[in-house]
Amino acid sequence: RGIKLAAHYQAAVTLVSTLLWITS
């Protein structure tokens, strides 16, 4: 369960970072 949560967190961080990079 912890690994799955970490994976989702990593995916969310990557998505947000990408969006911020594109819109900046």
Protein backbone atom coordinates (compact mmCIF):
# COMPACT_ATOMS: atom_id res chain seq x y z
CA ARG A 1 0.00 0.00 0.00
CA GLY A 2 2.82 2.38 0.82
CA ILE A 3 4.51 1.76 -2.51
CA LYS A 4 1.29 2.41 -4.41
CA LEU A 5 0.79 5.68 -2.52
CA ALA A 6 4.36 6.74 -3.29
CA ALA A 7 3.83 5.98 -6.97
CA HIS A 8 0.69 8.12 -7.09
CA TYR A 9 2.47 10.92 -5.26
CA GLN A 10 5.39 10.77 -7.69
CA ALA A 11 3.01 10.85 -10.65
CA ALA A 12 1.18 13.86 -9.24
CA VAL A 13 4.43 15.75 -8.61
CA THR A 14 5.65 14.98 -12.13
CA LEU A 15 2.37 16.13 -13.65
CA VAL A 16 2.31 19.40 -11.71
CA SER A 17 5.97 20.08 -12.48
CA THR A 18 5.36 19.50 -16.18
CA LEU A 19 2.33 21.79 -16.22
CA LEU A 20 4.22 24.53 -14.39
CA TRP A 21 7.17 24.16 -16.80
CA ILE A 22 4.89 24.38 -19.85
CA THR A 23 2.94 27.39 -18.60
CA SER A 24 5.93 29.31 -17.31
